Amino acid sequence: MNAAYVFRVTFELDASGVAADPDTFETVVRKPAAEPDTDDWRFFEAACWRGEASDEAHLRSLAEDWLGVPVRDVTFSELRADEAYLDALRDAIAESDAFDDTPQQVLHAHLGSSIRVES
């Protein structure tokens, strides 16, 4: 199984004592998705709503931890996953007491149409 949450992140250099030009950069960050049978598998629930970042300030803080630089902006792009991961994720959602809707409804509510299936 293979999956990652993909974000576009704009960060800036904190260059003390020197000038940097440019000092702002955009990059693509791929956060590996936790296996659906682990404690962290519900990242999508805390991070996304309708295919957008649900709490940009929180995601900026996470991205700063991931990258070790000040982050100006972060946007959610997609969940890239193979079919095996999506099947396991749907099964975990169906088995969880945390959701009242079907797995398809839950994924659509949080990720919108931002799921890319890769082989």
PDB file of N, CA and C in Angstrom:
ATOM      1  N   MET A   1       0.840  -1.185   0.000  1.00  0.00           N
ATOM      2  CA  MET A   1       0.000   0.000   0.000  1.00  0.00           C
ATOM      3  C   MET A   1       0.880   1.241   0.000  1.00  0.00           C
ATOM      4  N   ASN A   2       0.392   2.232  -0.731  1.00  0.00           N
ATOM      5  CA  ASN A   2       1.161   3.454  -0.857  1.00  0.00           C
ATOM      6  C   ASN A   2       0.201   4.638  -0.945  1.00  0.00           C
ATOM      7  N   ALA A   3       0.441   5.669  -0.132  1.00  0.00           N
ATOM      8  CA  ALA A   3      -0.397   6.869  -0.187  1.00  0.00           C
ATOM      9  C   ALA A   3       0.337   8.046   0.440  1.00  0.00           C
ATOM     10  N   ALA A   4       0.006   9.244  -0.041  1.00  0.00           N
ATOM     11  CA  ALA A   4       0.588  10.469   0.518  1.00  0.00           C
ATOM     12  C   ALA A   4      -0.382  11.621   0.323  1.00  0.00           C
ATOM     13  N   TYR A   5      -0.417  12.498   1.315  1.00  0.00           N
ATOM     14  CA  TYR A   5      -1.147  13.750   1.207  1.00  0.00           C
ATOM     15  C   TYR A   5      -0.201  14.750   0.548  1.00  0.00           C
ATOM     16  N   VAL A   6      -0.699  15.466  -0.452  1.00  0.00           N
ATOM     17  CA  VAL A   6       0.135  16.393  -1.212  1.00  0.00           C
ATOM     18  C   VAL A   6      -0.317  17.821  -0.910  1.00  0.00           C
ATOM     19  N   PHE A   7       0.656  18.651  -0.572  1.00  0.00           N
ATOM     20  CA  PHE A   7       0.396  20.051  -0.247  1.00  0.00           C
ATOM     21  C   PHE A   7       1.307  20.942  -1.080  1.00  0.00           C
ATOM     22  N   ARG A   8       0.822  22.120  -1.430  1.00  0.00           N
ATOM     23  CA  ARG A   8       1.663  23.169  -2.000  1.00  0.00           C
ATOM     24  C   ARG A   8       1.995  24.104  -0.840  1.00  0.00           C
ATOM     25  N   VAL A   9       3.269  24.337  -0.658  1.00  0.00           N
ATOM     26  CA  VAL A   9       3.728  25.121   0.488  1.00  0.00           C
ATOM     27  C   VAL A   9       4.593  26.276  -0.004  1.00  0.00           C
ATOM     28  N   THR A  10       4.275  27.472   0.471  1.00  0.00           N
ATOM     29  CA  THR A  10       5.109  28.638   0.212  1.00  0.00           C
ATOM     30  C   THR A  10       5.850  28.949   1.507  1.00  0.00           C
ATOM     31  N   PHE A  11       7.174  28.962   1.407  1.00  0.00           N
ATOM     32  CA  PHE A  11       7.977  29.235   2.598  1.00  0.00           C
ATOM     33  C   PHE A  11       8.952  30.352   2.308  1.00  0.00           C
ATOM     34  N   GLU A  12       9.482  30.899   3.383  1.00  0.00           N
ATOM     35  CA  GLU A  12      10.440  31.988   3.219  1.00  0.00           C
ATOM     36  C   GLU A  12      11.693  31.706   4.034  1.00  0.00           C
ATOM     37  N   LEU A  13      12.781  32.214   3.528  1.00  0.00           N
ATOM     38  CA  LEU A  13      14.043  32.081   4.247  1.00  0.00           C
ATOM     39  C   LEU A  13      14.093  33.108   5.357  1.00  0.00           C
ATOM     40  N   ASP A  14      14.634  32.724   6.464  1.00  0.00           N
ATOM     41  CA  ASP A  14      14.877  33.637   7.567  1.00  0.00           C
ATOM     42  C   ASP A  14      16.378  33.886   7.574  1.00  0.00           C
ATOM     43  N   ALA A  15      16.814  34.760   6.670  1.00  0.00           N
ATOM     44  CA  ALA A  15      18.242  34.990   6.463  1.00  0.00           C
ATOM     45  C   ALA A  15      18.711  36.183   7.294  1.00  0.00           C
ATOM     46  N   SER A  16      19.258  35.896   8.437  1.00  0.00           N
ATOM     47  CA  SER A  16      19.750  36.955   9.327  1.00  0.00           C
ATOM     48  C   SER A  16      21.108  37.454   8.845  1.00  0.00           C
ATOM     49  N   GLY A  17      21.226  38.757   8.700  1.00  0.00           N
ATOM     50  CA  GLY A  17      22.509  39.370   8.379  1.00  0.00           C
ATOM     51  C   GLY A  17      22.867  39.378   6.911  1.00  0.00           C
ATOM     52  N   VAL A  18      22.020  38.767   6.066  1.00  0.00           N
ATOM     53  CA  VAL A  18      22.266  38.776   4.620  1.00  0.00           C
ATOM     54  C   VAL A  18      20.945  39.019   3.908  1.00  0.00           C
ATOM     55  N   ALA A  19      21.074  39.419   2.641  1.00  0.00           N
ATOM     56  CA  ALA A  19      19.871  39.587   1.818  1.00  0.00           C
ATOM     57  C   ALA A  19      19.774  38.392   0.889  1.00  0.00           C
ATOM     58  N   ALA A  20      18.596  37.849   0.760  1.00  0.00           N
ATOM     59  CA  ALA A  20      18.365  36.729  -0.149  1.00  0.00           C
ATOM     60  C   ALA A  20      17.268  37.124  -1.133  1.00  0.00           C
ATOM     61  N   ASP A  21      17.530  36.891  -2.411  1.00  0.00           N
ATOM     62  CA  ASP A  21      16.558  37.243  -3.434  1.00  0.00           C
ATOM     63  C   ASP A  21      16.502  36.142  -4.484  1.00  0.00           C
ATOM     64  N   PRO A  22      15.463  35.378  -4.575  1.00  0.00           N
ATOM     65  CA  PRO A  22      14.237  35.562  -3.809  1.00  0.00           C
ATOM     66  C   PRO A  22      14.384  34.998  -2.402  1.00  0.00           C
ATOM     67  N   ASP A  23      13.498  35.412  -1.544  1.00  0.00           N
ATOM     68  CA  ASP A  23      13.501  34.875  -0.186  1.00  0.00           C
ATOM     69  C   ASP A  23      12.252  34.043   0.091  1.00  0.00           C
ATOM     70  N   THR A  24      11.408  33.907  -0.940  1.00  0.00           N
ATOM     71  CA  THR A  24      10.189  33.126  -0.828  1.00  0.00           C
ATOM     72  C   THR A  24      10.178  32.077  -1.935  1.00  0.00           C
ATOM     73  N   PHE A  25       9.786  30.863  -1.564  1.00  0.00           N
ATOM     74  CA  PHE A  25       9.794  29.744  -2.508  1.00  0.00           C
ATOM     75  C   PHE A  25       8.518  28.927  -2.357  1.00  0.00           C
ATOM     76  N   GLU A  26       8.133  28.271  -3.436  1.00  0.00           N
ATOM     77  CA  GLU A  26       7.004  27.343  -3.385  1.00  0.00           C
ATOM     78  C   GLU A  26       7.531  25.946  -3.668  1.00  0.00           C
ATOM     79  N   THR A  27       7.019  24.992  -2.925  1.00  0.00           N
ATOM     80  CA  THR A  27       7.420  23.606  -3.107  1.00  0.00           C
ATOM     81  C   THR A  27       6.210  22.701  -2.939  1.00  0.00           C
ATOM     82  N   VAL A  28       6.346  21.484  -3.387  1.00  0.00           N
ATOM     83  CA  VAL A  28       5.313  20.471  -3.192  1.00  0.00           C
ATOM     84  C   VAL A  28       5.804  19.535  -2.098  1.00  0.00           C
ATOM     85  N   VAL A  29       4.956  19.338  -1.088  1.00  0.00           N
ATOM     86  CA  VAL A  29       5.292  18.477   0.035  1.00  0.00           C
ATOM     87  C   VAL A  29       4.361  17.266   0.001  1.00  0.00           C
ATOM     88  N   ARG A  30       4.956  16.099   0.080  1.00  0.00           N
ATOM     89  CA  ARG A  30       4.181  14.861   0.133  1.00  0.00           C
ATOM     90  C   ARG A  30       4.349  14.256   1.519  1.00  0.00           C
ATOM     91  N   LYS A  31       3.246  14.242   2.278  1.00  0.00           N
ATOM     92  CA  LYS A  31       3.271  13.662   3.619  1.00  0.00           C
ATOM     93  C   LYS A  31       2.756  12.232   3.497  1.00  0.00           C
ATOM     94  N   PRO A  32       3.586  11.243   3.792  1.00  0.00           N
ATOM     95  CA  PRO A  32       3.123   9.861   3.708  1.00  0.00           C
ATOM     96  C   PRO A  32       1.878   9.657   4.583  1.00  0.00           C
ATOM     97  N   ALA A  33       0.896   8.997   4.021  1.00  0.00           N
ATOM     98  CA  ALA A  33      -0.340   8.706   4.765  1.00  0.00           C
ATOM     99  C   ALA A  33      -0.106   7.501   5.665  1.00  0.00           C
ATOM    100  N   ALA A  34      -0.602   7.601   6.868  1.00  0.00           N
ATOM    101  CA  ALA A  34      -0.467   6.489   7.816  1.00  0.00           C
ATOM    102  C   ALA A  34      -1.319   5.315   7.358  1.00  0.00           C
ATOM    103  N   GLU A  35      -0.844   4.125   7.650  1.00  0.00           N
ATOM    104  CA  GLU A  35      -1.621   2.927   7.342  1.00  0.00           C
ATOM    105  C   GLU A  35      -2.952   3.003   8.085  1.00  0.00           C
ATOM    106  N   PRO A  36      -4.041   2.569   7.451  1.00  0.00           N
ATOM    107  CA  PRO A  36      -5.353   2.676   8.088  1.00  0.00           C
ATOM    108  C   PRO A  36      -5.504   1.905   9.394  1.00  0.00           C
ATOM    109  N   ASP A  37      -4.595   1.040   9.742  1.00  0.00           N
ATOM    110  CA  ASP A  37      -4.707   0.302  11.005  1.00  0.00           C
ATOM    111  C   ASP A  37      -3.821   0.901  12.107  1.00  0.00           C
ATOM    112  N   THR A  38      -3.336   2.133  11.902  1.00  0.00           N
ATOM    113  CA  THR A  38      -2.507   2.796  12.902  1.00  0.00           C
ATOM    114  C   THR A  38      -3.273   3.950  13.551  1.00  0.00           C
ATOM    115  N   ASP A  39      -2.706   4.528  14.594  1.00  0.00           N
ATOM    116  CA  ASP A  39      -3.377   5.600  15.324  1.00  0.00           C
ATOM    117  C   ASP A  39      -3.549   6.876  14.513  1.00  0.00           C
ATOM    118  N   ASP A  40      -2.682   7.137  13.556  1.00  0.00           N
ATOM    119  CA  ASP A  40      -2.670   8.415  12.838  1.00  0.00           C
ATOM    120  C   ASP A  40      -3.418   8.354  11.502  1.00  0.00           C
ATOM    121  N   TRP A  41      -4.211   7.331  11.259  1.00  0.00           N
ATOM    122  CA  TRP A  41      -4.828   7.148   9.945  1.00  0.00           C
ATOM    123  C   TRP A  41      -5.892   8.191   9.629  1.00  0.00           C
ATOM    124  N   ARG A  42      -6.404   8.894  10.628  1.00  0.00           N
ATOM    125  CA  ARG A  42      -7.476   9.861  10.406  1.00  0.00           C
ATOM    126  C   ARG A  42      -6.953  11.284  10.158  1.00  0.00           C
ATOM    127  N   PHE A  43      -5.743  11.412   9.646  1.00  0.00           N
ATOM    128  CA  PHE A  43      -5.164  12.725   9.350  1.00  0.00           C
ATOM    129  C   PHE A  43      -6.088  13.546   8.451  1.00  0.00           C
ATOM    130  N   PHE A  44      -6.686  12.910   7.448  1.00  0.00           N
ATOM    131  CA  PHE A  44      -7.569  13.621   6.520  1.00  0.00           C
ATOM    132  C   PHE A  44      -8.701  14.332   7.248  1.00  0.00           C
ATOM    133  N   GLU A  45      -9.181  13.734   8.321  1.00  0.00           N
ATOM    134  CA  GLU A  45     -10.304  14.297   9.074  1.00  0.00           C
ATOM    135  C   GLU A  45      -9.907  15.608   9.756  1.00  0.00           C
ATOM    136  N   ALA A  46      -8.705  15.667  10.279  1.00  0.00           N
ATOM    137  CA  ALA A  46      -8.229  16.863  10.970  1.00  0.00           C
ATOM    138  C   ALA A  46      -7.691  17.921  10.009  1.00  0.00           C
ATOM    139  N   ALA A  47      -7.276  17.501   8.813  1.00  0.00           N
ATOM    140  CA  ALA A  47      -6.570  18.421   7.921  1.00  0.00           C
ATOM    141  C   ALA A  47      -7.418  18.991   6.790  1.00  0.00           C
ATOM    142  N   CYS A  48      -8.448  18.269   6.370  1.00  0.00           N
ATOM    143  CA  CYS A  48      -9.141  18.657   5.140  1.00  0.00           C
ATOM    144  C   CYS A  48     -10.656  18.706   5.304  1.00  0.00           C
ATOM    145  N   TRP A  49     -11.261  19.591   4.544  1.00  0.00           N
ATOM    146  CA  TRP A  49     -12.711  19.670   4.456  1.00  0.00           C
ATOM    147  C   TRP A  49     -13.073  20.167   3.063  1.00  0.00           C
ATOM    148  N   ARG A  50     -13.837  19.357   2.368  1.00  0.00           N
ATOM    149  CA  ARG A  50     -14.262  19.666   0.999  1.00  0.00           C
ATOM    150  C   ARG A  50     -13.077  19.891   0.059  1.00  0.00           C
ATOM    151  N   GLY A  51     -12.005  19.154   0.292  1.00  0.00           N
ATOM    152  CA  GLY A  51     -10.845  19.240  -0.585  1.00  0.00           C
ATOM    153  C   GLY A  51      -9.958  20.440  -0.331  1.00  0.00           C
ATOM    154  N   GLU A  52     -10.175  21.136   0.761  1.00  0.00           N
ATOM    155  CA  GLU A  52      -9.369  22.296   1.124  1.00  0.00           C
ATOM    156  C   GLU A  52      -8.766  22.063   2.507  1.00  0.00           C
ATOM    157  N   ALA A  53      -7.760  22.864   2.840  1.00  0.00           N
ATOM    158  CA  ALA A  53      -7.202  22.809   4.194  1.00  0.00           C
ATOM    159  C   ALA A  53      -8.266  23.304   5.162  1.00  0.00           C
ATOM    160  N   SER A  54      -8.589  22.513   6.170  1.00  0.00           N
ATOM    161  CA  SER A  54      -9.648  22.899   7.101  1.00  0.00           C
ATOM    162  C   SER A  54      -9.178  23.938   8.109  1.00  0.00           C
ATOM    163  N   ASP A  55      -7.905  23.940   8.441  1.00  0.00           N
ATOM    164  CA  ASP A  55      -7.335  24.901   9.390  1.00  0.00           C
ATOM    165  C   ASP A  55      -5.942  25.244   8.897  1.00  0.00           C
ATOM    166  N   GLU A  56      -5.862  26.284   8.069  1.00  0.00           N
ATOM    167  CA  GLU A  56      -4.585  26.614   7.443  1.00  0.00           C
ATOM    168  C   GLU A  56      -3.503  26.949   8.457  1.00  0.00           C
ATOM    169  N   ALA A  57      -3.858  27.632   9.528  1.00  0.00           N
ATOM    170  CA  ALA A  57      -2.853  27.979  10.542  1.00  0.00           C
ATOM    171  C   ALA A  57      -2.235  26.718  11.139  1.00  0.00           C
ATOM    172  N   HIS A  58      -3.064  25.731  11.427  1.00  0.00           N
ATOM    173  CA  HIS A  58      -2.559  24.467  11.971  1.00  0.00           C
ATOM    174  C   HIS A  58      -1.670  23.760  10.941  1.00  0.00           C
ATOM    175  N   LEU A  59      -2.112  23.719   9.684  1.00  0.00           N
ATOM    176  CA  LEU A  59      -1.289  23.077   8.654  1.00  0.00           C
ATOM    177  C   LEU A  59       0.010  23.834   8.410  1.00  0.00           C
ATOM    178  N   ARG A  60      -0.031  25.167   8.501  1.00  0.00           N
ATOM    179  CA  ARG A  60       1.219  25.936   8.380  1.00  0.00           C
ATOM    180  C   ARG A  60       2.189  25.536   9.474  1.00  0.00           C
ATOM    181  N   SER A  61       1.676  25.378  10.691  1.00  0.00           N
ATOM    182  CA  SER A  61       2.525  24.955  11.806  1.00  0.00           C
ATOM    183  C   SER A  61       3.111  23.562  11.558  1.00  0.00           C
ATOM    184  N   LEU A  62       2.278  22.639  11.079  1.00  0.00           N
ATOM    185  CA  LEU A  62       2.786  21.302  10.753  1.00  0.00           C
ATOM    186  C   LEU A  62       3.850  21.374   9.660  1.00  0.00           C
ATOM    187  N   ALA A  63       3.580  22.162   8.617  1.00  0.00           N
ATOM    188  CA  ALA A  63       4.537  22.284   7.510  1.00  0.00           C
ATOM    189  C   ALA A  63       5.851  22.900   7.991  1.00  0.00           C
ATOM    190  N   GLU A  64       5.788  23.838   8.916  1.00  0.00           N
ATOM    191  CA  GLU A  64       7.017  24.404   9.477  1.00  0.00           C
ATOM    192  C   GLU A  64       7.823  23.330  10.199  1.00  0.00           C
ATOM    193  N   ASP A  65       7.131  22.452  10.911  1.00  0.00           N
ATOM    194  CA  ASP A  65       7.824  21.337  11.564  1.00  0.00           C
ATOM    195  C   ASP A  65       8.430  20.390  10.534  1.00  0.00           C
ATOM    196  N   TRP A  66       7.676  20.083   9.476  1.00  0.00           N
ATOM    197  CA  TRP A  66       8.168  19.162   8.435  1.00  0.00           C
ATOM    198  C   TRP A  66       9.397  19.726   7.737  1.00  0.00           C
ATOM    199  N   LEU A  67       9.363  21.039   7.432  1.00  0.00           N
ATOM    200  CA  LEU A  67      10.409  21.639   6.597  1.00  0.00           C
ATOM    201  C   LEU A  67      11.489  22.370   7.381  1.00  0.00           C
ATOM    202  N   GLY A  68      11.190  22.790   8.599  1.00  0.00           N
ATOM    203  CA  GLY A  68      12.174  23.511   9.394  1.00  0.00           C
ATOM    204  C   GLY A  68      12.396  24.951   8.948  1.00  0.00           C
ATOM    205  N   VAL A  69      11.400  25.524   8.268  1.00  0.00           N
ATOM    206  CA  VAL A  69      11.478  26.922   7.811  1.00  0.00           C
ATOM    207  C   VAL A  69      10.128  27.587   8.065  1.00  0.00           C
ATOM    208  N   PRO A  70      10.107  28.939   8.137  1.00  0.00           N
ATOM    209  CA  PRO A  70       8.824  29.629   8.287  1.00  0.00           C
ATOM    210  C   PRO A  70       7.950  29.442   7.040  1.00  0.00           C
ATOM    211  N   VAL A  71       6.714  29.047   7.240  1.00  0.00           N
ATOM    212  CA  VAL A  71       5.789  28.802   6.131  1.00  0.00           C
ATOM    213  C   VAL A  71       4.792  29.943   6.048  1.00  0.00           C
ATOM    214  N   ARG A  72       4.655  30.493   4.858  1.00  0.00           N
ATOM    215  CA  ARG A  72       3.729  31.605   4.618  1.00  0.00           C
ATOM    216  C   ARG A  72       2.338  31.104   4.238  1.00  0.00           C
ATOM    217  N   ASP A  73       2.276  30.012   3.454  1.00  0.00           N
ATOM    218  CA  ASP A  73       0.997  29.535   2.945  1.00  0.00           C
ATOM    219  C   ASP A  73       1.079  28.035   2.696  1.00  0.00           C
ATOM    220  N   VAL A  74      -0.025  27.339   2.943  1.00  0.00           N
ATOM    221  CA  VAL A  74      -0.107  25.913   2.631  1.00  0.00           C
ATOM    222  C   VAL A  74      -1.501  25.623   2.105  1.00  0.00           C
ATOM    223  N   THR A  75      -1.563  24.888   1.011  1.00  0.00           N
ATOM    224  CA  THR A  75      -2.844  24.466   0.456  1.00  0.00           C
ATOM    225  C   THR A  75      -2.793  22.970   0.192  1.00  0.00           C
ATOM    226  N   PHE A  76      -3.914  22.320   0.428  1.00  0.00           N
ATOM    227  CA  PHE A  76      -4.026  20.892   0.160  1.00  0.00           C
ATOM    228  C   PHE A  76      -4.267  20.702  -1.330  1.00  0.00           C
ATOM    229  N   SER A  77      -3.539  19.769  -1.936  1.00  0.00           N
ATOM    230  CA  SER A  77      -3.720  19.475  -3.356  1.00  0.00           C
ATOM    231  C   SER A  77      -4.506  18.197  -3.568  1.00  0.00           C
ATOM    232  N   GLU A  78      -4.038  17.094  -2.948  1.00  0.00           N
ATOM    233  CA  GLU A  78      -4.703  15.816  -3.188  1.00  0.00           C
ATOM    234  C   GLU A  78      -4.154  14.737  -2.271  1.00  0.00           C
ATOM    235  N   LEU A  79      -4.915  13.661  -2.209  1.00  0.00           N
ATOM    236  CA  LEU A  79      -4.427  12.417  -1.631  1.00  0.00           C
ATOM    237  C   LEU A  79      -4.079  11.532  -2.814  1.00  0.00           C
ATOM    238  N   ARG A  80      -2.815  11.164  -2.923  1.00  0.00           N
ATOM    239  CA  ARG A  80      -2.378  10.218  -3.958  1.00  0.00           C
ATOM    240  C   ARG A  80      -2.259   8.860  -3.298  1.00  0.00           C
ATOM    241  N   ALA A  81      -2.972   7.882  -3.842  1.00  0.00           N
ATOM    242  CA  ALA A  81      -2.982   6.565  -3.211  1.00  0.00           C
ATOM    243  C   ALA A  81      -3.172   5.474  -4.246  1.00  0.00           C
ATOM    244  N   ASP A  82      -2.646   4.307  -3.921  1.00  0.00           N
ATOM    245  CA  ASP A  82      -2.946   3.163  -4.771  1.00  0.00           C
ATOM    246  C   ASP A  82      -4.286   2.571  -4.331  1.00  0.00           C
ATOM    247  N   GLU A  83      -4.820   1.704  -5.162  1.00  0.00           N
ATOM    248  CA  GLU A  83      -6.145   1.130  -4.897  1.00  0.00           C
ATOM    249  C   GLU A  83      -6.169   0.344  -3.593  1.00  0.00           C
ATOM    250  N   ALA A  84      -5.086  -0.349  -3.275  1.00  0.00           N
ATOM    251  CA  ALA A  84      -5.035  -1.125  -2.030  1.00  0.00           C
ATOM    252  C   ALA A  84      -5.172  -0.210  -0.815  1.00  0.00           C
ATOM    253  N   TYR A  85      -4.503   0.943  -0.833  1.00  0.00           N
ATOM    254  CA  TYR A  85      -4.614   1.876   0.289  1.00  0.00           C
ATOM    255  C   TYR A  85      -6.038   2.407   0.400  1.00  0.00           C
ATOM    256  N   LEU A  86      -6.627   2.801  -0.735  1.00  0.00           N
ATOM    257  CA  LEU A  86      -7.992   3.321  -0.684  1.00  0.00           C
ATOM    258  C   LEU A  86      -8.976   2.283  -0.176  1.00  0.00           C
ATOM    259  N   ASP A  87      -8.796   1.037  -0.580  1.00  0.00           N
ATOM    260  CA  ASP A  87      -9.665  -0.035  -0.072  1.00  0.00           C
ATOM    261  C   ASP A  87      -9.516  -0.172   1.444  1.00  0.00           C
ATOM    262  N   ALA A  88      -8.283  -0.158   1.928  1.00  0.00           N
ATOM    263  CA  ALA A  88      -8.042  -0.276   3.369  1.00  0.00           C
ATOM    264  C   ALA A  88      -8.590   0.940   4.109  1.00  0.00           C
ATOM    265  N   LEU A  89      -8.457   2.125   3.524  1.00  0.00           N
ATOM    266  CA  LEU A  89      -8.984   3.340   4.140  1.00  0.00           C
ATOM    267  C   LEU A  89     -10.507   3.281   4.214  1.00  0.00           C
ATOM    268  N   ARG A  90     -11.149   2.874   3.149  1.00  0.00           N
ATOM    269  CA  ARG A  90     -12.615   2.735   3.162  1.00  0.00           C
ATOM    270  C   ARG A  90     -13.057   1.722   4.215  1.00  0.00           C
ATOM    271  N   ASP A  91     -12.335   0.608   4.322  1.00  0.00           N
ATOM    272  CA  ASP A  91     -12.661  -0.405   5.335  1.00  0.00           C
ATOM    273  C   ASP A  91     -12.519   0.169   6.741  1.00  0.00           C
ATOM    274  N   ALA A  92     -11.447   0.921   6.983  1.00  0.00           N
ATOM    275  CA  ALA A  92     -11.229   1.511   8.310  1.00  0.00           C
ATOM    276  C   ALA A  92     -12.329   2.509   8.654  1.00  0.00           C
ATOM    277  N   ILE A  93     -12.747   3.304   7.674  1.00  0.00           N
ATOM    278  CA  ILE A  93     -13.829   4.261   7.908  1.00  0.00           C
ATOM    279  C   ILE A  93     -15.123   3.515   8.230  1.00  0.00           C
ATOM    280  N   ALA A  94     -15.411   2.460   7.471  1.00  0.00           N
ATOM    281  CA  ALA A  94     -16.635   1.684   7.682  1.00  0.00           C
ATOM    282  C   ALA A  94     -16.659   1.040   9.068  1.00  0.00           C
ATOM    283  N   GLU A  95     -15.496   0.621   9.557  1.00  0.00           N
ATOM    284  CA  GLU A  95     -15.407  -0.052  10.852  1.00  0.00           C
ATOM    285  C   GLU A  95     -15.341   0.914  12.032  1.00  0.00           C
ATOM    286  N   SER A  96     -15.073   2.191  11.757  1.00  0.00           N
ATOM    287  CA  SER A  96     -14.902   3.181  12.823  1.00  0.00           C
ATOM    288  C   SER A  96     -16.252   3.668  13.345  1.00  0.00           C
ATOM    289  N   ASP A  97     -16.321   3.852  14.654  1.00  0.00           N
ATOM    290  CA  ASP A  97     -17.518   4.428  15.274  1.00  0.00           C
ATOM    291  C   ASP A  97     -17.550   5.950  15.134  1.00  0.00           C
ATOM    292  N   ALA A  98     -16.480   6.533  14.610  1.00  0.00           N
ATOM    293  CA  ALA A  98     -16.381   7.985  14.523  1.00  0.00           C
ATOM    294  C   ALA A  98     -17.209   8.575  13.384  1.00  0.00           C
ATOM    295  N   PHE A  99     -17.624   7.750  12.446  1.00  0.00           N
ATOM    296  CA  PHE A  99     -18.322   8.259  11.268  1.00  0.00           C
ATOM    297  C   PHE A  99     -19.703   7.628  11.152  1.00  0.00           C
ATOM    298  N   ASP A 100     -20.697   8.465  10.830  1.00  0.00           N
ATOM    299  CA  ASP A 100     -22.056   7.977  10.627  1.00  0.00           C
ATOM    300  C   ASP A 100     -22.353   7.730   9.155  1.00  0.00           C
ATOM    301  N   ASP A 101     -21.561   8.318   8.263  1.00  0.00           N
ATOM    302  CA  ASP A 101     -21.798   8.213   6.830  1.00  0.00           C
ATOM    303  C   ASP A 101     -21.030   7.050   6.223  1.00  0.00           C
ATOM    304  N   THR A 102     -21.308   6.764   4.964  1.00  0.00           N
ATOM    305  CA  THR A 102     -20.591   5.716   4.255  1.00  0.00           C
ATOM    306  C   THR A 102     -19.154   6.187   4.015  1.00  0.00           C
ATOM    307  N   PRO A 103     -18.229   5.262   3.777  1.00  0.00           N
ATOM    308  CA  PRO A 103     -16.849   5.669   3.481  1.00  0.00           C
ATOM    309  C   PRO A 103     -16.765   6.642   2.299  1.00  0.00           C
ATOM    310  N   GLN A 104     -17.547   6.413   1.270  1.00  0.00           N
ATOM    311  CA  GLN A 104     -17.525   7.313   0.111  1.00  0.00           C
ATOM    312  C   GLN A 104     -17.965   8.720   0.506  1.00  0.00           C
ATOM    313  N   GLN A 105     -19.003   8.827   1.341  1.00  0.00           N
ATOM    314  CA  GLN A 105     -19.476  10.136   1.790  1.00  0.00           C
ATOM    315  C   GLN A 105     -18.440  10.830   2.673  1.00  0.00           C
ATOM    316  N   VAL A 106     -17.797  10.067   3.541  1.00  0.00           N
ATOM    317  CA  VAL A 106     -16.770  10.635   4.422  1.00  0.00           C
ATOM    318  C   VAL A 106     -15.599  11.158   3.602  1.00  0.00           C
ATOM    319  N   LEU A 107     -15.119  10.348   2.664  1.00  0.00           N
ATOM    320  CA  LEU A 107     -13.984  10.791   1.852  1.00  0.00           C
ATOM    321  C   LEU A 107     -14.355  11.995   1.000  1.00  0.00           C
ATOM    322  N   HIS A 108     -15.559  12.003   0.461  1.00  0.00           N
ATOM    323  CA  HIS A 108     -15.977  13.155  -0.336  1.00  0.00           C
ATOM    324  C   HIS A 108     -16.105  14.408   0.533  1.00  0.00           C
ATOM    325  N   ALA A 109     -16.657  14.255   1.746  1.00  0.00           N
ATOM    326  CA  ALA A 109     -16.809  15.406   2.635  1.00  0.00           C
ATOM    327  C   ALA A 109     -15.466  16.029   2.992  1.00  0.00           C
ATOM    328  N   HIS A 110     -14.453  15.200   3.210  1.00  0.00           N
ATOM    329  CA  HIS A 110     -13.155  15.724   3.631  1.00  0.00           C
ATOM    330  C   HIS A 110     -12.221  16.033   2.463  1.00  0.00           C
ATOM    331  N   LEU A 111     -12.195  15.172   1.470  1.00  0.00           N
ATOM    332  CA  LEU A 111     -11.225  15.322   0.391  1.00  0.00           C
ATOM    333  C   LEU A 111     -11.830  15.836  -0.913  1.00  0.00           C
ATOM    334  N   GLY A 112     -13.146  15.945  -0.972  1.00  0.00           N
ATOM    335  CA  GLY A 112     -13.785  16.389  -2.203  1.00  0.00           C
ATOM    336  C   GLY A 112     -13.426  15.433  -3.321  1.00  0.00           C
ATOM    337  N   SER A 113     -13.084  15.995  -4.448  1.00  0.00           N
ATOM    338  CA  SER A 113     -12.655  15.166  -5.585  1.00  0.00           C
ATOM    339  C   SER A 113     -11.142  15.111  -5.694  1.00  0.00           C
ATOM    340  N   SER A 114     -10.455  15.418  -4.595  1.00  0.00           N
ATOM    341  CA  SER A 114      -8.987  15.507  -4.596  1.00  0.00           C
ATOM    342  C   SER A 114      -8.320  14.193  -4.195  1.00  0.00           C
ATOM    343  N   ILE A 115      -8.761  13.115  -4.819  1.00  0.00           N
ATOM    344  CA  ILE A 115      -8.135  11.815  -4.616  1.00  0.00           C
ATOM    345  C   ILE A 115      -7.628  11.344  -5.967  1.00  0.00           C
ATOM    346  N   ARG A 116      -6.344  11.047  -6.037  1.00  0.00           N
ATOM    347  CA  ARG A 116      -5.761  10.532  -7.275  1.00  0.00           C
ATOM    348  C   ARG A 116      -5.322   9.103  -7.025  1.00  0.00           C
ATOM    349  N   VAL A 117      -5.876   8.198  -7.809  1.00  0.00           N
ATOM    350  CA  VAL A 117      -5.512   6.792  -7.695  1.00  0.00           C
ATOM    351  C   VAL A 117      -4.343   6.515  -8.637  1.00  0.00           C
ATOM    352  N   GLU A 118      -3.284   5.991  -8.071  1.00  0.00           N
ATOM    353  CA  GLU A 118      -2.096   5.642  -8.851  1.00  0.00           C
ATOM    354  C   GLU A 118      -1.855   4.153  -8.759  1.00  0.00           C
ATOM    355  N   SER A 119      -1.274   3.602  -9.796  1.00  0.00           N
ATOM    356  CA  SER A 119      -0.981   2.155  -9.747  1.00  0.00           C
ATOM    357  C   SER A 119       0.446   1.891  -9.366  1.00  0.00           C
TER     358      SER A 119
END
